[in-house]
Protein backbone atom coordinates (compact mmCIF):
# COMPACT_ATOMS: atom_id res chain seq x y z
CA MET A 1 0.09 -0.19 0.00
CA ASN A 2 2.74 2.56 0.72
CA GLU A 3 4.72 1.69 -2.68
CA VAL A 4 1.11 2.32 -4.35
CA LEU A 5 0.84 5.96 -2.15
CA LYS A 6 4.86 7.12 -3.36
CA ALA A 7 3.37 5.66 -7.07
CA VAL A 8 1.00 8.21 -7.22
CA VAL A 9 2.33 11.02 -5.54
CA ASN A 10 5.42 10.89 -7.84
CA SER A 11 3.05 10.64 -10.86
CA VAL A 12 0.84 13.84 -9.71
CA ILE A 13 3.75 16.16 -8.24
CA LYS A 14 6.91 15.23 -9.83
CA THR A 15 5.80 14.93 -13.08
CA PRO A 16 4.66 18.22 -13.55
CA LYS A 17 7.68 19.68 -11.75
CA GLY A 18 9.73 17.95 -14.59
CA LEU A 19 7.32 19.37 -17.21
CA LEU A 20 7.79 22.90 -15.78
CA VAL A 21 11.27 22.65 -15.99
CA THR A 22 11.01 21.43 -19.70
CA LEU A 23 8.68 24.43 -20.55
CA LYS A 24 11.07 27.03 -19.21
CA HIS A 25 13.88 26.03 -21.35
CA LEU A 26 11.57 26.27 -24.35
CA ILE A 27 10.75 29.98 -23.45
CA LYS A 28 14.41 30.96 -23.20
CA LYS A 29 16.40 32.05 -26.29
CA PRO A 30 18.93 29.44 -27.60
CA VAL A 31 22.55 29.07 -26.78
CA THR A 32 23.67 27.67 -30.14
CA LEU A 33 25.14 29.44 -32.90
CA ASP A 34 24.55 29.28 -36.63
CA TYR A 35 28.06 28.14 -36.78
CA PRO A 36 28.89 28.42 -40.70
CA LYS A 37 27.20 31.55 -40.86
CA ARG A 38 28.51 33.12 -37.95
CA LYS A 39 31.97 32.29 -35.99
CA LYS A 40 32.47 32.37 -32.06
CA PRO A 41 35.27 34.77 -31.42
CA MET A 42 38.37 33.21 -30.17
CA ALA A 43 40.01 34.63 -26.59
CA PRO A 44 42.56 37.26 -27.71
CA ARG A 45 45.22 35.15 -26.04
CA TYR A 46 44.43 32.25 -28.71
CA ARG A 47 47.13 30.53 -30.59
CA GLY A 48 45.84 29.41 -34.10
CA LYS A 49 47.50 28.46 -37.47
CA HIS A 50 50.97 29.87 -37.95
CA TYR A 51 51.59 32.60 -40.60
CA LEU A 52 55.10 34.13 -41.59
CA GLU A 53 55.38 38.21 -41.63
CA ARG A 54 56.78 40.09 -44.14
CA TYR A 55 58.25 43.77 -44.14
CA ASP A 56 56.55 46.64 -45.34
CA ASP A 57 58.61 46.74 -48.91
CA GLY A 58 56.92 42.45 -49.28
CA SER A 59 60.24 40.64 -48.65
CA GLU A 60 59.85 38.32 -45.86
CA ARG A 61 61.12 38.76 -42.32
CA CYS A 62 62.44 35.28 -41.46
CA VAL A 63 66.24 34.73 -41.99
CA CYS A 64 66.29 31.12 -40.81
CA CYS A 65 68.35 31.94 -37.49
CA GLY A 66 66.81 28.62 -36.39
CA LEU A 67 65.87 29.46 -32.82
CA CYS A 68 62.11 29.09 -33.74
CA ALA A 69 63.24 25.35 -34.47
CA ALA A 70 65.80 25.21 -31.19
CA ALA A 71 62.51 26.41 -28.91
CA CYS A 72 59.91 24.18 -30.12
CA PRO A 73 59.42 21.33 -27.89
CA ALA A 74 57.67 19.40 -30.07
CA ASP A 75 60.36 19.60 -32.66
CA ALA A 76 57.86 20.03 -35.22
CA ILE A 77 59.97 23.20 -37.31
CA TYR A 78 62.39 22.21 -39.82
CA MET A 79 63.99 24.83 -42.14
CA GLU A 80 67.11 25.13 -44.82
CA PRO A 81 68.83 28.50 -45.15
CA GLU A 82 70.19 29.93 -48.39
CA GLU A 83 71.75 33.72 -49.45
CA ASN A 84 69.66 35.53 -52.10
CA GLU A 85 71.24 37.40 -54.74
CA LYS A 86 71.68 40.24 -52.42
CA GLY A 87 73.67 38.16 -49.59
CA GLU A 88 70.76 38.24 -47.59
CA ARG A 89 70.17 34.98 -45.26
CA ARG A 90 66.61 33.60 -45.84
CA ALA A 91 64.84 30.15 -45.64
CA ARG A 92 64.70 27.96 -48.56
CA VAL A 93 62.74 25.60 -46.93
CA TYR A 94 60.60 25.91 -43.76
CA GLU A 95 57.93 23.55 -43.10
CA ILE A 96 55.99 23.33 -39.58
CA ASN A 97 54.06 19.81 -39.26
CA LEU A 98 51.14 20.94 -37.88
CA LEU A 99 50.13 17.15 -36.44
CA ARG A 100 53.20 17.32 -33.74
CA CYS A 101 52.83 21.19 -33.22
CA ILE A 102 51.34 21.78 -29.76
CA PHE A 103 50.56 25.55 -30.48
CA CYS A 104 52.60 26.63 -27.33
CA GLY A 105 53.67 29.91 -29.02
CA PHE A 106 57.59 29.29 -28.23
CA CYS A 107 58.46 29.79 -31.97
CA GLU A 108 56.83 33.11 -31.77
CA GLU A 109 58.67 34.10 -28.39
CA ALA A 110 62.03 33.21 -29.50
CA CYS A 111 62.10 34.71 -33.04
CA PRO A 112 64.45 37.72 -33.14
CA GLU A 113 63.06 39.31 -36.52
CA GLU A 114 59.36 38.66 -35.03
CA ALA A 115 58.67 36.44 -37.86
CA ILE A 116 56.14 34.14 -37.15
CA PHE A 117 53.19 34.42 -35.37
CA LEU A 118 50.05 32.15 -34.50
CA GLY A 119 47.01 33.69 -35.78
CA GLN A 120 43.37 33.31 -35.00
CA GLU A 121 42.55 30.90 -37.76
CA TYR A 122 40.84 27.82 -36.18
CA GLU A 123 39.43 26.08 -39.12
CA PHE A 124 42.46 23.89 -40.61
CA SER A 125 41.19 20.59 -40.64
CA ASP A 126 41.83 18.07 -43.36
CA TYR A 127 41.32 14.71 -44.92
CA ASP A 128 45.17 14.05 -45.60
CA ARG A 129 47.70 13.96 -43.18
CA ASN A 130 50.22 15.45 -45.91
CA SER A 131 48.51 18.69 -46.09
CA PHE A 132 48.94 19.32 -42.34
CA ILE A 133 52.69 19.99 -43.51
CA TYR A 134 52.69 23.61 -43.88
CA THR A 135 55.59 25.01 -46.00
CA ARG A 136 57.06 28.81 -46.45
CA GLU A 137 54.94 29.58 -49.28
CA GLN A 138 51.64 28.44 -47.35
CA MET A 139 52.66 30.29 -44.07
CA LEU A 140 53.59 33.83 -45.86
CA VAL A 141 51.06 36.56 -45.50
CA PRO A 142 49.72 38.68 -48.76
CA HIS A 143 51.51 41.49 -49.32
CA PRO A 144 49.28 44.25 -49.16
CA ARG A 145 48.41 43.53 -45.53
CA LYS A 146 45.97 44.96 -42.96
CA ASP A 147 47.46 45.11 -39.50
CA ASN A 148 46.79 43.03 -36.92
CA PRO A 149 45.70 43.83 -33.59
CA PHE A 150 47.28 40.75 -32.07
CA LYS A 151 50.77 41.44 -33.24
CA ARG A 152 50.83 44.78 -32.17
CA MET A 153 49.84 43.52 -28.75
CA PHE A 154 52.60 40.95 -28.69
CA ARG A 155 55.03 43.31 -29.72
CA ARG A 156 53.63 45.81 -27.20
CA VAL A 157 54.26 43.29 -24.20
CA ARG A 158 58.09 42.57 -25.57
CA LYS A 159 58.69 45.93 -25.52
CA VAL A 160 57.65 46.11 -21.78
CA TYR A 161 59.66 43.11 -20.87
CA GLY A 162 62.61 44.70 -22.48
CA VAL A 163 63.02 42.77 -25.49
CA SER A 164 64.17 45.38 -28.06
CA ASP A 165 62.28 45.50 -31.44
CA ARG A 166 65.54 46.31 -33.56
CA ILE A 167 63.52 46.12 -37.25
CA LYS A 168 60.54 48.42 -37.79
């Protein structure tokens, strides 16, 4: 008899309580985004896809010093230097294996020329493993480029902590 009474109380009192919770959530505004059309903005310190910066005249900043490869804990960066016709050193081969990369940002901190940066892009999935090895040509930014506010913030932080900004 006691179990029958509990079953009746549960069906009369607790079922409407559960339905009330469901009705409350039907009235609320949804929290999901319409993803392909609207993308969620990432945090300012988010580290995404790598890119190589250029000087204002269009030449690439990387002088292939090897500090980014030495600082990488995952050993994801491979580079080979060469000299161009002016006698300036640059990278002949510059590759980053994004399957090995842990996106720690040590490469951009180690670079004295401020040539490599981790951007805000987070959509770089693919079906082929070989497409995750980014070459220098894939990472170089187009020459006429808008200023990146995150790059300015990073350079400001370097100045605050005493790292000289030799090249402007």
